[in-house]
């Protein structure tokens, strides 16, 4: 089987090109690592937020909200494909929520570096005011204070006379 012939010159040229490409890749990776100190961050809405019609503009099939955050100045940012407006190191973008759970993805890309921030939000489409009613033991405590002879409630000897105000038998 014939051996492929390669001259020393060809070998050195290909080896030098490979080393240079490796050094260039290391340099670009180091530049991205240096830029990653100032990464992108979604500040509002926060991860896990439950949104309703008060957080944006709601129609029958979608909720339009504003996504705000921070990213290094001078780098364009997109949020779920929508181009964000920049003001210094802050960004704002309008996003449409169509599903109950939506992943927000903010991307800042400069050259070969790509920075991402993610947040998942929940759209409570059928939101309406909710009230919580509960009974706790504090009402009994306050009722005993309001009684005329409240000191007798705390006496060590049990007494079974009704309270003149609330007509409840005391112990």
N, C-alpha and C. Protein backbone atom coordinates (compact mmCIF):
# COMPACT_ATOMS: atom_id res chain seq x y z
N UNK A 1 0.85 -1.16 0.00
CA UNK A 1 0.00 0.00 0.00
C UNK A 1 0.90 1.22 0.00
N UNK A 2 0.68 2.11 -0.95
CA UNK A 2 1.56 3.28 -1.06
C UNK A 2 1.26 4.27 0.07
N UNK A 3 2.31 4.84 0.62
CA UNK A 3 2.18 5.86 1.66
C UNK A 3 1.91 7.21 1.02
N UNK A 4 1.00 7.98 1.61
CA UNK A 4 0.78 9.30 1.06
C UNK A 4 2.00 10.16 1.35
N UNK A 5 2.39 10.87 0.36
CA UNK A 5 3.59 11.70 0.52
C UNK A 5 3.17 13.11 0.89
N UNK A 6 3.86 13.62 1.89
CA UNK A 6 3.61 14.99 2.33
C UNK A 6 4.97 15.60 2.60
N UNK A 7 5.18 16.70 2.00
CA UNK A 7 6.47 17.34 2.21
C UNK A 7 6.50 18.01 3.58
N UNK A 8 7.69 18.28 4.04
CA UNK A 8 7.83 18.96 5.32
C UNK A 8 7.16 20.32 5.29
N UNK A 9 7.29 20.97 4.18
CA UNK A 9 6.70 22.31 4.05
C UNK A 9 5.19 22.25 4.20
N UNK A 10 4.52 21.31 3.55
CA UNK A 10 3.08 21.16 3.63
C UNK A 10 2.66 20.81 5.05
N UNK A 11 3.45 19.90 5.68
CA UNK A 11 3.15 19.52 7.05
C UNK A 11 3.26 20.72 8.00
N UNK A 12 4.29 21.49 7.89
CA UNK A 12 4.48 22.65 8.77
C UNK A 12 3.42 23.72 8.52
N UNK A 13 3.03 23.90 7.26
CA UNK A 13 1.98 24.88 6.96
C UNK A 13 0.64 24.47 7.59
N UNK A 14 0.28 23.20 7.47
CA UNK A 14 -1.00 22.75 8.03
C UNK A 14 -0.95 22.76 9.56
N UNK A 15 0.19 22.40 10.15
CA UNK A 15 0.31 22.43 11.61
C UNK A 15 0.23 23.86 12.13
N UNK A 16 0.88 24.79 11.45
CA UNK A 16 0.85 26.19 11.85
C UNK A 16 -0.57 26.75 11.73
N UNK A 17 -1.27 26.39 10.68
CA UNK A 17 -2.64 26.86 10.50
C UNK A 17 -3.54 26.31 11.60
N UNK A 18 -3.35 25.05 11.98
CA UNK A 18 -4.15 24.46 13.05
C UNK A 18 -3.88 25.12 14.39
N UNK A 19 -2.64 25.41 14.69
CA UNK A 19 -2.30 26.08 15.95
C UNK A 19 -2.87 27.49 15.98
N UNK A 20 -2.77 28.19 14.86
CA UNK A 20 -3.30 29.57 14.80
C UNK A 20 -4.82 29.57 14.99
N UNK A 21 -5.51 28.60 14.38
CA UNK A 21 -6.96 28.52 14.54
C UNK A 21 -7.32 28.22 16.00
N UNK A 22 -6.55 27.35 16.64
CA UNK A 22 -6.80 27.05 18.04
C UNK A 22 -6.58 28.26 18.93
N UNK A 23 -5.52 29.01 18.67
CA UNK A 23 -5.26 30.22 19.45
C UNK A 23 -6.36 31.26 19.24
N UNK A 24 -6.83 31.39 18.00
CA UNK A 24 -7.89 32.35 17.71
C UNK A 24 -9.18 31.96 18.43
N UNK A 25 -9.48 30.65 18.47
CA UNK A 25 -10.67 30.19 19.18
C UNK A 25 -10.54 30.45 20.68
N UNK A 26 -9.34 30.23 21.23
CA UNK A 26 -9.12 30.50 22.65
C UNK A 26 -9.27 31.98 22.94
N UNK A 27 -8.81 32.84 22.04
CA UNK A 27 -8.92 34.29 22.24
C UNK A 27 -10.37 34.73 22.21
N UNK A 28 -11.16 34.22 21.26
CA UNK A 28 -12.56 34.61 21.20
C UNK A 28 -13.33 34.07 22.40
N UNK A 29 -12.97 32.88 22.88
CA UNK A 29 -13.62 32.33 24.07
C UNK A 29 -13.26 33.17 25.29
N UNK A 30 -12.02 33.64 25.37
CA UNK A 30 -11.62 34.49 26.49
C UNK A 30 -12.34 35.83 26.43
N UNK A 31 -12.54 36.36 25.23
CA UNK A 31 -13.27 37.62 25.10
C UNK A 31 -14.72 37.45 25.53
N UNK A 32 -15.35 36.34 25.16
CA UNK A 32 -16.73 36.08 25.58
C UNK A 32 -16.80 35.90 27.09
N UNK A 33 -15.80 35.23 27.66
CA UNK A 33 -15.79 35.04 29.11
C UNK A 33 -15.62 36.37 29.82
N UNK A 34 -14.82 37.26 29.26
CA UNK A 34 -14.65 38.59 29.86
C UNK A 34 -15.93 39.40 29.77
N UNK A 35 -16.65 39.26 28.67
CA UNK A 35 -17.91 39.99 28.51
C UNK A 35 -19.03 39.37 29.35
N UNK A 36 -18.87 38.11 29.74
CA UNK A 36 -19.94 37.46 30.49
C UNK A 36 -20.08 38.01 31.90
N UNK A 37 -19.11 38.81 32.35
CA UNK A 37 -19.24 39.45 33.65
C UNK A 37 -20.44 40.39 33.65
N UNK A 38 -20.72 41.02 32.52
CA UNK A 38 -21.88 41.90 32.39
C UNK A 38 -22.93 41.18 31.56
N UNK A 39 -23.56 40.18 32.13
CA UNK A 39 -24.52 39.37 31.39
C UNK A 39 -25.88 40.05 31.33
N UNK A 40 -26.77 39.42 30.61
CA UNK A 40 -28.13 39.94 30.44
C UNK A 40 -29.01 39.37 31.56
N UNK A 41 -30.00 40.16 32.01
CA UNK A 41 -30.88 39.73 33.09
C UNK A 41 -32.28 40.29 32.87
N UNK A 42 -33.30 39.42 33.00
CA UNK A 42 -34.70 39.85 32.96
C UNK A 42 -35.09 40.22 34.38
N UNK A 43 -35.50 41.48 34.59
CA UNK A 43 -35.87 41.94 35.92
C UNK A 43 -37.38 41.90 36.16
N UNK A 44 -38.14 42.14 35.10
CA UNK A 44 -39.59 42.20 35.24
C UNK A 44 -40.25 41.66 34.00
N UNK A 45 -41.12 40.72 34.03
CA UNK A 45 -41.62 40.00 35.19
C UNK A 45 -40.59 38.98 35.66
N UNK A 46 -40.61 38.69 36.94
CA UNK A 46 -39.65 37.75 37.50
C UNK A 46 -40.04 36.32 37.15
N UNK A 47 -39.10 35.41 37.31
CA UNK A 47 -39.31 34.00 36.99
C UNK A 47 -40.39 33.43 37.92
N UNK A 48 -41.44 32.85 37.34
CA UNK A 48 -42.52 32.26 38.11
C UNK A 48 -43.68 33.20 38.37
N UNK A 49 -43.65 34.40 37.81
CA UNK A 49 -44.72 35.37 38.06
C UNK A 49 -46.04 34.89 37.45
N UNK A 50 -47.13 35.16 38.16
CA UNK A 50 -48.47 34.85 37.66
C UNK A 50 -49.06 36.18 37.20
N UNK A 51 -49.31 36.29 35.90
CA UNK A 51 -49.77 37.55 35.30
C UNK A 51 -51.25 37.48 34.97
N UNK A 52 -51.91 38.64 35.03
CA UNK A 52 -53.32 38.72 34.65
C UNK A 52 -53.55 40.03 33.89
N UNK A 53 -54.82 40.40 33.71
CA UNK A 53 -55.15 41.56 32.89
C UNK A 53 -54.59 42.86 33.46
N UNK A 54 -54.22 42.89 34.73
CA UNK A 54 -53.66 44.11 35.32
C UNK A 54 -52.20 44.34 34.94
N UNK A 55 -51.55 43.32 34.42
CA UNK A 55 -50.13 43.42 34.08
C UNK A 55 -49.88 43.79 32.62
N UNK A 56 -50.92 43.96 31.85
CA UNK A 56 -50.75 44.30 30.45
C UNK A 56 -52.09 44.53 29.79
N UNK A 57 -52.12 44.38 28.48
CA UNK A 57 -53.34 44.55 27.70
C UNK A 57 -53.84 43.18 27.28
N UNK A 58 -55.05 42.82 27.71
CA UNK A 58 -55.58 41.49 27.45
C UNK A 58 -56.67 41.55 26.39
N UNK A 59 -56.60 40.58 25.48
CA UNK A 59 -57.70 40.35 24.53
C UNK A 59 -58.16 38.91 24.75
N UNK A 60 -59.03 38.43 23.90
CA UNK A 60 -59.59 37.10 24.10
C UNK A 60 -58.52 36.00 24.01
N UNK A 61 -57.53 36.17 23.15
CA UNK A 61 -56.56 35.09 22.94
C UNK A 61 -55.13 35.43 23.32
N UNK A 62 -54.86 36.62 23.88
CA UNK A 62 -53.48 36.95 24.23
C UNK A 62 -53.40 38.03 25.29
N UNK A 63 -52.22 38.12 25.90
CA UNK A 63 -51.91 39.16 26.88
C UNK A 63 -50.61 39.82 26.43
N UNK A 64 -50.65 41.13 26.24
CA UNK A 64 -49.47 41.87 25.80
C UNK A 64 -48.83 42.51 27.03
N UNK A 65 -47.56 42.11 27.32
CA UNK A 65 -46.87 42.62 28.50
C UNK A 65 -45.55 43.28 28.10
N UNK A 66 -45.01 44.06 29.01
CA UNK A 66 -43.69 44.67 28.83
C UNK A 66 -42.68 43.86 29.63
N UNK A 67 -41.58 43.51 28.97
CA UNK A 67 -40.48 42.80 29.62
C UNK A 67 -39.33 43.78 29.77
N UNK A 68 -38.84 43.92 31.01
CA UNK A 68 -37.76 44.87 31.29
C UNK A 68 -36.57 44.13 31.88
N UNK A 69 -35.38 44.67 31.61
CA UNK A 69 -34.18 44.04 32.15
C UNK A 69 -32.95 44.88 31.91
N UNK A 70 -31.79 44.24 32.16
CA UNK A 70 -30.50 44.90 31.98
C UNK A 70 -29.60 44.05 31.09
N UNK A 71 -28.80 44.75 30.28
CA UNK A 71 -27.83 44.10 29.42
C UNK A 71 -26.70 45.09 29.17
N UNK A 72 -25.53 44.62 28.79
CA UNK A 72 -24.44 45.55 28.50
C UNK A 72 -24.85 46.56 27.44
N UNK A 73 -24.49 47.82 27.67
CA UNK A 73 -24.86 48.89 26.74
C UNK A 73 -24.22 48.66 25.38
N UNK A 74 -24.95 49.02 24.35
CA UNK A 74 -24.42 48.94 22.99
C UNK A 74 -24.63 47.60 22.31
N UNK A 75 -25.20 46.64 22.99
CA UNK A 75 -25.45 45.32 22.39
C UNK A 75 -26.94 45.21 22.13
N UNK A 76 -27.35 44.88 20.90
CA UNK A 76 -28.79 44.73 20.63
C UNK A 76 -29.38 43.53 21.37
N UNK A 77 -30.62 43.71 21.84
CA UNK A 77 -31.30 42.67 22.62
C UNK A 77 -32.63 42.34 21.94
N UNK A 78 -32.96 41.05 21.90
CA UNK A 78 -34.28 40.61 21.44
C UNK A 78 -34.90 39.77 22.54
N UNK A 79 -36.22 39.91 22.70
CA UNK A 79 -36.96 39.11 23.69
C UNK A 79 -38.04 38.36 22.93
N UNK A 80 -37.92 37.04 22.90
CA UNK A 80 -38.83 36.17 22.14
C UNK A 80 -38.96 36.64 20.69
N UNK A 81 -37.87 37.10 20.12
CA UNK A 81 -37.85 37.53 18.73
C UNK A 81 -38.18 38.99 18.51
N UNK A 82 -38.71 39.69 19.50
CA UNK A 82 -39.05 41.11 19.37
C UNK A 82 -37.84 41.95 19.77
N UNK A 83 -37.52 42.93 18.94
CA UNK A 83 -36.37 43.80 19.22
C UNK A 83 -36.71 44.72 20.38
N UNK A 84 -35.81 44.78 21.34
CA UNK A 84 -36.04 45.58 22.54
C UNK A 84 -35.54 47.01 22.33
N UNK A 85 -36.21 47.95 22.99
CA UNK A 85 -35.76 49.34 22.99
C UNK A 85 -34.71 49.47 24.07
N UNK A 86 -33.62 50.20 23.78
CA UNK A 86 -32.51 50.33 24.72
C UNK A 86 -32.44 51.75 25.27
N UNK A 87 -32.04 51.84 26.53
CA UNK A 87 -31.78 53.11 27.17
C UNK A 87 -30.64 52.87 28.16
N UNK A 88 -29.42 53.12 27.74
CA UNK A 88 -28.26 52.81 28.57
C UNK A 88 -28.09 51.31 28.68
N UNK A 89 -28.01 50.82 29.92
CA UNK A 89 -27.87 49.38 30.10
C UNK A 89 -29.22 48.68 30.33
N UNK A 90 -30.33 49.40 30.16
CA UNK A 90 -31.67 48.83 30.34
C UNK A 90 -32.32 48.55 28.99
N UNK A 91 -33.22 47.56 28.99
CA UNK A 91 -33.99 47.27 27.78
C UNK A 91 -35.44 47.04 28.14
N UNK A 92 -36.32 47.29 27.17
CA UNK A 92 -37.76 47.08 27.30
C UNK A 92 -38.28 46.51 25.99
N UNK A 93 -39.10 45.46 26.08
CA UNK A 93 -39.68 44.86 24.88
C UNK A 93 -41.13 44.47 25.16
N UNK A 94 -41.98 44.57 24.16
CA UNK A 94 -43.37 44.14 24.24
C UNK A 94 -43.46 42.69 23.76
N UNK A 95 -44.08 41.84 24.57
CA UNK A 95 -44.18 40.42 24.25
C UNK A 95 -45.64 39.99 24.36
N UNK A 96 -46.06 39.11 23.47
CA UNK A 96 -47.42 38.57 23.49
C UNK A 96 -47.41 37.18 24.12
N UNK A 97 -48.26 36.99 25.13
CA UNK A 97 -48.43 35.68 25.76
C UNK A 97 -49.70 35.06 25.21
N UNK A 98 -49.57 33.87 24.65
CA UNK A 98 -50.73 33.18 24.09
C UNK A 98 -51.06 31.90 24.86
N UNK A 99 -50.07 31.33 25.52
CA UNK A 99 -50.25 30.08 26.25
C UNK A 99 -50.31 30.35 27.75
N UNK A 100 -50.76 29.34 28.48
CA UNK A 100 -50.84 29.48 29.93
C UNK A 100 -49.45 29.69 30.53
N UNK A 101 -48.48 28.90 30.10
CA UNK A 101 -47.10 29.06 30.54
C UNK A 101 -46.26 29.48 29.34
N UNK A 102 -45.46 30.51 29.53
CA UNK A 102 -44.63 31.03 28.45
C UNK A 102 -43.21 31.21 28.96
N UNK A 103 -42.25 30.76 28.16
CA UNK A 103 -40.84 31.00 28.48
C UNK A 103 -40.41 32.28 27.78
N UNK A 104 -39.91 33.23 28.57
CA UNK A 104 -39.36 34.46 28.01
C UNK A 104 -37.87 34.23 27.80
N UNK A 105 -37.38 34.55 26.61
CA UNK A 105 -35.97 34.37 26.27
C UNK A 105 -35.42 35.69 25.77
N UNK A 106 -34.53 36.28 26.55
CA UNK A 106 -33.86 37.52 26.14
C UNK A 106 -32.47 37.16 25.66
N UNK A 107 -32.13 37.63 24.46
CA UNK A 107 -30.85 37.29 23.85
C UNK A 107 -30.11 38.57 23.48
N UNK A 108 -28.85 38.64 23.89
CA UNK A 108 -27.95 39.73 23.50
C UNK A 108 -26.79 39.08 22.79
N UNK A 109 -26.56 39.46 21.54
CA UNK A 109 -25.50 38.84 20.76
C UNK A 109 -24.59 39.91 20.19
N UNK A 110 -23.30 39.78 20.50
CA UNK A 110 -22.30 40.70 19.96
C UNK A 110 -21.17 39.88 19.36
N UNK A 111 -21.04 39.96 18.05
CA UNK A 111 -19.99 39.18 17.38
C UNK A 111 -20.24 37.69 17.55
N UNK A 112 -19.27 37.01 18.15
CA UNK A 112 -19.39 35.57 18.36
C UNK A 112 -19.96 35.22 19.72
N UNK A 113 -20.16 36.22 20.59
CA UNK A 113 -20.67 35.98 21.95
C UNK A 113 -22.19 36.08 21.96
N UNK A 114 -22.81 35.12 22.64
CA UNK A 114 -24.26 35.11 22.77
C UNK A 114 -24.60 34.95 24.25
N UNK A 115 -25.37 35.89 24.79
CA UNK A 115 -25.79 35.84 26.18
C UNK A 115 -27.31 35.68 26.22
N UNK A 116 -27.79 34.81 27.11
CA UNK A 116 -29.23 34.55 27.22
C UNK A 116 -29.70 34.68 28.66
N UNK A 117 -30.95 35.06 28.82
CA UNK A 117 -31.63 35.05 30.12
C UNK A 117 -33.01 34.48 29.89
N UNK A 118 -33.43 33.62 30.80
CA UNK A 118 -34.74 32.97 30.67
C UNK A 118 -35.58 33.22 31.91
N UNK A 119 -36.88 33.31 31.69
CA UNK A 119 -37.84 33.41 32.79
C UNK A 119 -39.15 32.79 32.31
N UNK A 120 -39.77 32.01 33.16
CA UNK A 120 -41.06 31.40 32.83
C UNK A 120 -42.15 32.13 33.59
N UNK A 121 -43.20 32.53 32.87
CA UNK A 121 -44.32 33.22 33.49
C UNK A 121 -45.61 32.44 33.20
N UNK A 122 -46.60 32.66 34.05
CA UNK A 122 -47.89 31.98 33.92
C UNK A 122 -48.96 33.05 33.70
N UNK A 123 -49.80 32.84 32.69
CA UNK A 123 -50.90 33.77 32.41
C UNK A 123 -52.17 33.21 33.02
N UNK A 124 -52.72 33.92 34.00
CA UNK A 124 -54.00 33.56 34.62
C UNK A 124 -55.11 34.25 33.82
N UNK A 125 -55.54 33.57 32.77
CA UNK A 125 -56.48 34.16 31.80
C UNK A 125 -57.83 34.51 32.43
N UNK A 126 -58.31 33.68 33.32
CA UNK A 126 -59.63 33.88 33.89
C UNK A 126 -59.53 34.46 35.30
N UNK A 127 -58.69 35.44 35.46
CA UNK A 127 -58.46 36.05 36.76
C UNK A 127 -59.67 36.86 37.20
N UNK A 128 -60.02 36.73 38.46
CA UNK A 128 -61.09 37.52 39.05
C UNK A 128 -60.75 37.70 40.52
N UNK A 129 -61.32 38.71 41.18
CA UNK A 129 -60.99 38.92 42.60
C UNK A 129 -61.35 37.70 43.44
N UNK A 130 -60.43 37.36 44.33
CA UNK A 130 -60.64 36.23 45.22
C UNK A 130 -60.47 36.72 46.65
N UNK A 131 -61.28 36.17 47.53
CA UNK A 131 -61.22 36.54 48.94
C UNK A 131 -61.05 35.29 49.78
N UNK A 132 -60.35 35.44 50.86
CA UNK A 132 -60.10 34.32 51.76
C UNK A 132 -60.79 34.60 53.08
N UNK A 133 -61.71 33.73 53.47
CA UNK A 133 -62.38 33.86 54.75
C UNK A 133 -61.89 32.72 55.65
N UNK A 134 -61.53 33.08 56.86
CA UNK A 134 -61.08 32.05 57.79
C UNK A 134 -61.48 32.44 59.21
N UNK A 135 -61.60 31.44 60.03
CA UNK A 135 -61.91 31.64 61.44
C UNK A 135 -60.68 31.17 62.21
N UNK A 136 -60.21 32.01 63.09
CA UNK A 136 -59.08 31.58 63.89
C UNK A 136 -59.38 31.78 65.37
N UNK A 137 -58.49 31.35 66.20
CA UNK A 137 -58.71 31.39 67.64
C UNK A 137 -58.61 32.78 68.24
N UNK A 138 -58.13 33.75 67.48
CA UNK A 138 -57.99 35.10 68.03
C UNK A 138 -59.34 35.71 68.37
N UNK A 139 -60.38 35.34 67.68
CA UNK A 139 -61.68 35.94 68.00
C UNK A 139 -62.15 35.54 69.39
N UNK A 140 -61.83 34.31 69.82
CA UNK A 140 -62.20 33.89 71.17
C UNK A 140 -61.40 34.67 72.21
N UNK A 141 -60.15 34.89 71.92
CA UNK A 141 -59.29 35.65 72.83
C UNK A 141 -59.80 37.08 72.96
N UNK A 142 -60.13 37.71 71.83
CA UNK A 142 -60.61 39.08 71.87
C UNK A 142 -61.99 39.17 72.54
N UNK A 143 -62.84 38.17 72.35
CA UNK A 143 -64.15 38.18 72.99
C UNK A 143 -64.00 38.11 74.51
N UNK A 144 -63.07 37.31 74.98
CA UNK A 144 -62.88 37.21 76.42
C UNK A 144 -62.32 38.51 77.00
N UNK A 145 -61.53 39.24 76.24
CA UNK A 145 -61.02 40.53 76.72
C UNK A 145 -62.15 41.55 76.80
N UNK A 146 -63.09 41.49 75.87
CA UNK A 146 -64.18 42.46 75.86
C UNK A 146 -65.20 42.21 76.97
N UNK A 147 -65.18 41.04 77.58
CA UNK A 147 -66.12 40.75 78.66
C UNK A 147 -65.86 41.66 79.85
N UNK A 148 -66.90 41.89 80.60
CA UNK A 148 -66.84 42.82 81.73
C UNK A 148 -65.82 42.39 82.77
N UNK A 149 -65.87 41.14 83.15
CA UNK A 149 -64.98 40.63 84.19
C UNK A 149 -63.87 39.79 83.53
N UNK A 150 -63.08 40.43 82.70
CA UNK A 150 -62.08 39.67 81.95
C UNK A 150 -61.00 39.11 82.85
N UNK A 151 -60.76 39.72 84.01
CA UNK A 151 -59.73 39.19 84.90
C UNK A 151 -60.13 37.84 85.47
N UNK A 152 -61.43 37.62 85.60
CA UNK A 152 -61.87 36.35 86.14
C UNK A 152 -61.64 35.20 85.15
N UNK A 153 -61.55 35.51 83.89
CA UNK A 153 -61.29 34.48 82.89
C UNK A 153 -59.92 33.87 83.15
N UNK A 154 -59.00 34.69 83.60
CA UNK A 154 -57.62 34.22 83.80
C UNK A 154 -57.37 33.71 85.22
N UNK A 155 -58.41 33.66 86.03
CA UNK A 155 -58.20 33.19 87.40
C UNK A 155 -57.92 31.69 87.40
N UNK A 156 -57.14 31.21 88.36
CA UNK A 156 -56.80 29.79 88.37
C UNK A 156 -57.99 28.89 88.70
N UNK A 157 -59.02 29.41 89.38
CA UNK A 157 -60.18 28.59 89.73
C UNK A 157 -61.22 28.69 88.63
N UNK A 158 -61.65 27.59 88.03
CA UNK A 158 -62.67 27.66 86.98
C UNK A 158 -64.01 28.12 87.54
N UNK A 159 -64.68 28.96 86.78
CA UNK A 159 -65.98 29.49 87.17
C UNK A 159 -66.94 29.28 86.01
N UNK A 160 -68.12 28.81 86.25
CA UNK A 160 -69.04 28.48 85.18
C UNK A 160 -70.20 29.47 85.09
N UNK A 161 -69.95 30.72 85.30
CA UNK A 161 -71.01 31.72 85.17
C UNK A 161 -70.95 32.35 83.79
N UNK A 162 -72.10 32.68 83.18
CA UNK A 162 -72.08 33.26 81.85
C UNK A 162 -71.57 34.70 81.87
N UNK A 163 -70.96 35.07 80.83
CA UNK A 163 -70.46 36.44 80.66
C UNK A 163 -71.68 37.34 80.43
N UNK A 164 -71.78 38.50 81.10
CA UNK A 164 -72.96 39.34 80.93
C UNK A 164 -73.09 39.93 79.53
N UNK A 165 -72.00 40.10 78.81
CA UNK A 165 -72.09 40.69 77.47
C UNK A 165 -72.41 39.66 76.39
N UNK A 166 -71.64 38.58 76.40
CA UNK A 166 -71.80 37.66 75.27
C UNK A 166 -72.55 36.39 75.65
N UNK A 167 -72.94 36.22 76.88
CA UNK A 167 -73.76 35.09 77.36
C UNK A 167 -73.10 33.73 77.10
N UNK A 168 -71.78 33.72 77.13
CA UNK A 168 -71.07 32.46 76.94
C UNK A 168 -70.55 32.01 78.29
N UNK A 169 -70.74 30.75 78.59
CA UNK A 169 -70.29 30.21 79.88
C UNK A 169 -68.77 30.18 79.92
N UNK A 170 -68.22 30.74 80.98
CA UNK A 170 -66.78 30.74 81.14
C UNK A 170 -66.35 29.48 81.87
N UNK A 171 -65.15 29.09 81.63
CA UNK A 171 -64.57 27.94 82.36
C UNK A 171 -63.88 28.40 83.60
